[in-house]
N, C-alpha and C. Protein backbone atom coordinates (compact mmCIF):
# COMPACT_ATOMS: atom_id res chain seq x y z
N MET A 1 -12.95 11.71 -16.72
CA MET A 1 -12.60 12.68 -15.58
C MET A 1 -13.28 11.17 -14.10
N SER A 2 -14.36 10.26 -14.77
CA SER A 2 -14.77 9.42 -13.85
C SER A 2 -13.88 7.78 -14.06
N LEU A 3 -12.93 7.60 -15.03
CA LEU A 3 -11.83 6.99 -15.39
C LEU A 3 -10.96 7.32 -14.14
N LEU A 4 -10.54 8.47 -14.41
CA LEU A 4 -9.29 9.10 -12.87
C LEU A 4 -9.72 8.55 -11.56
N MET A 5 -11.01 9.03 -11.32
CA MET A 5 -11.79 8.60 -9.94
C MET A 5 -11.56 6.98 -9.71
N GLU A 6 -12.19 6.54 -10.56
CA GLU A 6 -12.06 5.05 -10.74
C GLU A 6 -10.87 4.63 -10.21
N ASP A 7 -9.73 5.34 -11.14
CA ASP A 7 -8.20 4.73 -10.95
C ASP A 7 -7.92 4.88 -9.67
N LEU A 8 -8.29 5.90 -8.84
CA LEU A 8 -7.72 6.56 -7.93
C LEU A 8 -8.81 5.80 -6.39
N ARG A 9 -9.70 5.43 -6.43
CA ARG A 9 -10.38 4.63 -5.80
C ARG A 9 -9.41 3.31 -5.75
N HIS A 10 -9.48 2.78 -6.86
CA HIS A 10 -8.72 1.04 -7.18
C HIS A 10 -7.65 1.00 -6.39
N ARG A 11 -6.73 2.44 -6.59
CA ARG A 11 -5.36 1.92 -6.23
C ARG A 11 -5.31 2.82 -4.41
N ARG A 12 -6.40 3.32 -4.01
CA ARG A 12 -6.86 3.43 -2.43
C ARG A 12 -6.21 4.89 -2.20
N ILE A 13 -5.77 5.62 -3.12
CA ILE A 13 -5.18 6.99 -3.32
C ILE A 13 -6.36 7.82 -2.23
N VAL A 14 -7.61 7.95 -2.59
CA VAL A 14 -8.83 8.44 -1.94
C VAL A 14 -8.68 8.17 -0.36
N ARG A 15 -8.74 6.85 -0.38
CA ARG A 15 -8.83 6.39 1.08
C ARG A 15 -7.45 6.72 1.79
N VAL A 16 -6.16 6.85 1.15
CA VAL A 16 -5.01 7.40 2.08
C VAL A 16 -5.00 9.01 2.38
N GLY A 17 -5.81 9.72 1.17
CA GLY A 17 -5.63 10.77 1.31
C GLY A 17 -6.81 11.23 2.43
N ILE A 18 -7.86 10.69 2.71
CA ILE A 18 -9.16 10.96 3.94
C ILE A 18 -8.24 10.64 4.77
N ALA A 19 -7.64 9.69 5.18
CA ALA A 19 -6.80 9.11 6.43
C ALA A 19 -5.78 9.93 6.86
N TYR A 20 -4.98 10.65 5.89
CA TYR A 20 -4.15 11.36 6.03
C TYR A 20 -4.78 13.28 6.56
N LEU A 21 -5.40 13.43 5.87
CA LEU A 21 -6.37 14.74 6.46
C LEU A 21 -6.73 14.20 8.19
N LEU A 22 -7.44 13.56 8.03
CA LEU A 22 -7.52 13.17 9.22
C LEU A 22 -6.97 13.13 10.45
N ILE A 23 -5.93 12.35 10.07
CA ILE A 23 -4.61 12.42 11.01
C ILE A 23 -4.02 13.84 11.25
N SER A 24 -3.86 14.40 10.29
CA SER A 24 -3.46 15.88 10.22
C SER A 24 -4.24 16.58 11.26
N PHE A 25 -5.31 16.57 11.20
CA PHE A 25 -6.58 17.39 12.04
C PHE A 25 -6.29 17.34 13.44
N GLY A 26 -6.19 15.72 13.77
CA GLY A 26 -6.17 14.93 14.85
C GLY A 26 -4.72 15.53 15.68
N LEU A 27 -3.79 15.83 14.66
CA LEU A 27 -2.13 16.30 15.16
C LEU A 27 -2.37 17.67 15.50
N LEU A 28 -3.17 18.56 14.35
CA LEU A 28 -3.28 19.87 14.87
C LEU A 28 -3.91 20.25 15.56
N CYS A 29 -4.75 19.52 16.19
CA CYS A 29 -5.96 20.01 17.73
C CYS A 29 -5.03 20.01 18.58
N PRO A 30 -3.98 18.86 19.15
CA PRO A 30 -3.51 19.03 20.41
C PRO A 30 -2.24 20.23 20.25
N VAL A 31 -1.57 20.27 18.98
CA VAL A 31 -0.53 21.23 18.98
C VAL A 31 -1.39 22.45 19.15
N GLY A 32 -2.35 22.86 18.89
CA GLY A 32 -2.73 24.13 19.43
C GLY A 32 -3.16 24.53 20.76
N LEU A 33 -3.69 23.22 21.36
CA LEU A 33 -3.79 23.21 23.12
C LEU A 33 -2.65 23.36 23.38
N VAL A 34 -1.62 22.39 23.15
CA VAL A 34 -0.18 22.42 23.89
C VAL A 34 0.24 23.87 23.48
N GLY A 35 0.23 24.05 22.23
CA GLY A 35 0.83 25.52 22.15
C GLY A 35 0.35 27.12 23.01
N ALA A 36 -1.44 26.79 22.94
CA ALA A 36 -1.98 27.85 23.89
C ALA A 36 -0.85 27.44 25.64
N TRP A 37 -1.13 26.42 25.97
CA TRP A 37 -0.65 25.93 27.20
C TRP A 37 1.00 26.23 27.36
N LEU A 38 1.68 26.08 26.79
CA LEU A 38 3.14 26.11 26.86
C LEU A 38 3.20 27.82 26.43
N GLU A 39 2.59 28.49 25.59
CA GLU A 39 2.68 29.78 25.40
C GLU A 39 3.60 29.86 24.34
N LEU A 40 3.58 29.24 22.95
CA LEU A 40 4.46 28.85 21.94
C LEU A 40 4.41 30.22 20.89
N PRO A 41 5.16 30.65 20.40
CA PRO A 41 4.89 31.75 19.55
C PRO A 41 3.67 31.37 18.29
N GLU A 42 2.84 32.07 17.89
CA GLU A 42 2.03 32.29 17.07
C GLU A 42 2.64 31.27 16.07
N TRP A 43 3.62 31.39 15.44
CA TRP A 43 4.01 31.27 14.06
C TRP A 43 4.31 29.26 14.00
N THR A 44 4.00 28.80 15.40
CA THR A 44 4.76 27.20 15.49
C THR A 44 3.26 26.57 14.88
N MET A 45 1.54 27.01 15.45
CA MET A 45 0.80 26.29 14.88
C MET A 45 0.85 26.52 13.48
N ARG A 46 1.15 27.71 12.83
CA ARG A 46 1.25 28.00 11.12
C ARG A 46 2.35 26.86 10.76
N LEU A 47 3.14 26.97 11.00
CA LEU A 47 4.71 26.04 10.72
C LEU A 47 4.05 24.72 10.73
N VAL A 48 3.40 23.88 11.59
CA VAL A 48 3.12 22.45 11.63
C VAL A 48 1.82 22.43 10.53
N ALA A 49 1.21 23.03 10.52
CA ALA A 49 -0.09 22.99 9.58
C ALA A 49 0.48 23.27 8.08
N LEU A 50 1.33 24.30 8.02
CA LEU A 50 2.04 24.45 6.52
C LEU A 50 2.53 22.93 5.98
N PHE A 51 3.33 22.40 7.17
CA PHE A 51 4.23 21.31 6.93
C PHE A 51 3.30 20.21 6.72
N THR A 52 2.26 20.06 7.56
CA THR A 52 1.40 18.69 7.38
C THR A 52 0.69 18.86 5.68
N PHE A 53 -0.21 20.14 5.50
CA PHE A 53 -0.46 20.22 4.37
C PHE A 53 -0.03 20.29 2.92
N THR A 54 1.58 20.75 2.85
CA THR A 54 2.49 20.63 1.77
C THR A 54 2.91 19.22 1.65
N MET A 55 2.92 18.47 2.74
CA MET A 55 3.48 16.92 2.29
C MET A 55 2.35 16.01 1.93
N LEU A 56 1.12 16.51 1.82
CA LEU A 56 -0.12 15.60 1.41
C LEU A 56 0.43 15.10 0.10
N PRO A 57 0.46 16.31 -1.08
CA PRO A 57 0.69 16.06 -2.52
C PRO A 57 1.93 14.44 -2.49
N PHE A 58 3.05 14.79 -1.45
CA PHE A 58 3.89 13.65 -1.58
C PHE A 58 3.43 12.69 -1.19
N VAL A 59 3.15 12.46 -0.38
CA VAL A 59 2.44 11.60 0.28
C VAL A 59 1.16 10.59 -0.33
N LEU A 60 0.72 11.57 -1.33
CA LEU A 60 -0.39 10.65 -2.28
C LEU A 60 0.73 10.33 -3.66
N LEU A 61 1.74 11.08 -4.18
CA LEU A 61 2.89 10.52 -4.96
C LEU A 61 3.41 9.09 -4.78
N VAL A 62 3.80 9.39 -3.53
CA VAL A 62 4.31 7.85 -3.17
C VAL A 62 3.57 6.88 -2.84
N ILE A 63 2.51 7.04 -2.52
CA ILE A 63 1.35 5.89 -2.16
C ILE A 63 1.20 5.63 -3.86
N TRP A 64 0.96 6.45 -4.71
CA TRP A 64 0.47 5.84 -6.20
C TRP A 64 1.50 4.95 -6.66
N ALA A 65 2.98 5.73 -6.47
CA ALA A 65 3.95 5.00 -6.92
C ALA A 65 4.34 3.59 -6.64
N LEU A 66 4.06 3.16 -5.32
CA LEU A 66 4.12 2.49 -4.23
C LEU A 66 3.21 1.07 -4.87
N ASP A 67 1.88 1.54 -4.89
CA ASP A 67 1.11 0.91 -5.30
C ASP A 67 1.01 0.48 -6.79
N ASP A 68 1.40 1.03 -7.74
CA ASP A 68 1.81 0.90 -9.05
C ASP A 68 2.67 0.02 -9.55
N HIS A 69 4.06 -0.18 -8.75
CA HIS A 69 5.26 -1.15 -8.43
C HIS A 69 5.27 -2.31 -7.37
N GLY A 70 4.63 -1.63 -6.06
CA GLY A 70 4.77 -2.57 -5.47
C GLY A 70 6.16 -2.67 -4.53
N PRO A 71 6.27 -2.73 -3.04
CA PRO A 71 7.51 -2.53 -3.12
C PRO A 71 8.17 -4.05 -3.02
N THR A 72 7.77 -5.45 -3.19
CA THR A 72 8.43 -6.01 -3.73
C THR A 72 9.15 -6.05 -4.91
N ASN A 73 8.51 -5.62 -5.98
CA ASN A 73 9.00 -5.26 -7.40
C ASN A 73 9.98 -4.18 -7.15
N LEU A 74 10.05 -3.38 -6.37
CA LEU A 74 11.09 -1.95 -6.25
C LEU A 74 12.20 -3.04 -5.96
N LYS A 75 12.22 -3.92 -5.19
CA LYS A 75 13.30 -4.91 -4.63
C LYS A 75 14.08 -5.65 -5.62
N VAL A 76 13.35 -6.41 -6.55
CA VAL A 76 13.51 -6.89 -7.86
C VAL A 76 14.13 -6.12 -8.56
N ALA A 77 13.61 -5.01 -8.98
CA ALA A 77 14.04 -3.94 -10.10
C ALA A 77 15.65 -3.52 -9.61
N ARG A 78 15.73 -3.55 -8.02
CA ARG A 78 17.52 -2.85 -7.74
C ARG A 78 18.47 -3.85 -8.02
N ARG A 79 18.10 -5.45 -7.80
CA ARG A 79 18.89 -6.17 -7.99
C ARG A 79 19.35 -6.23 -9.55
N ARG A 80 18.49 -5.84 -10.24
CA ARG A 80 18.90 -6.10 -12.00
C ARG A 80 19.68 -5.06 -12.30
């Protein structure tokens, strides 16, 4: 278990995950305020929250893949 956490920290996945959650929270607060002000339906906040939190695993997978291969190595691999 400690090897996994060490690998995640080395690849900066933990840092990206925390930053994503903070940005998500920073996005959800104004959406809630503006939604109440504009009298949007109740499901709009749920939809934004659902989309935000379901995208987290995909963001972490992309970060893991790009950190492993690097964007420059992907361009070289496409040329072959």
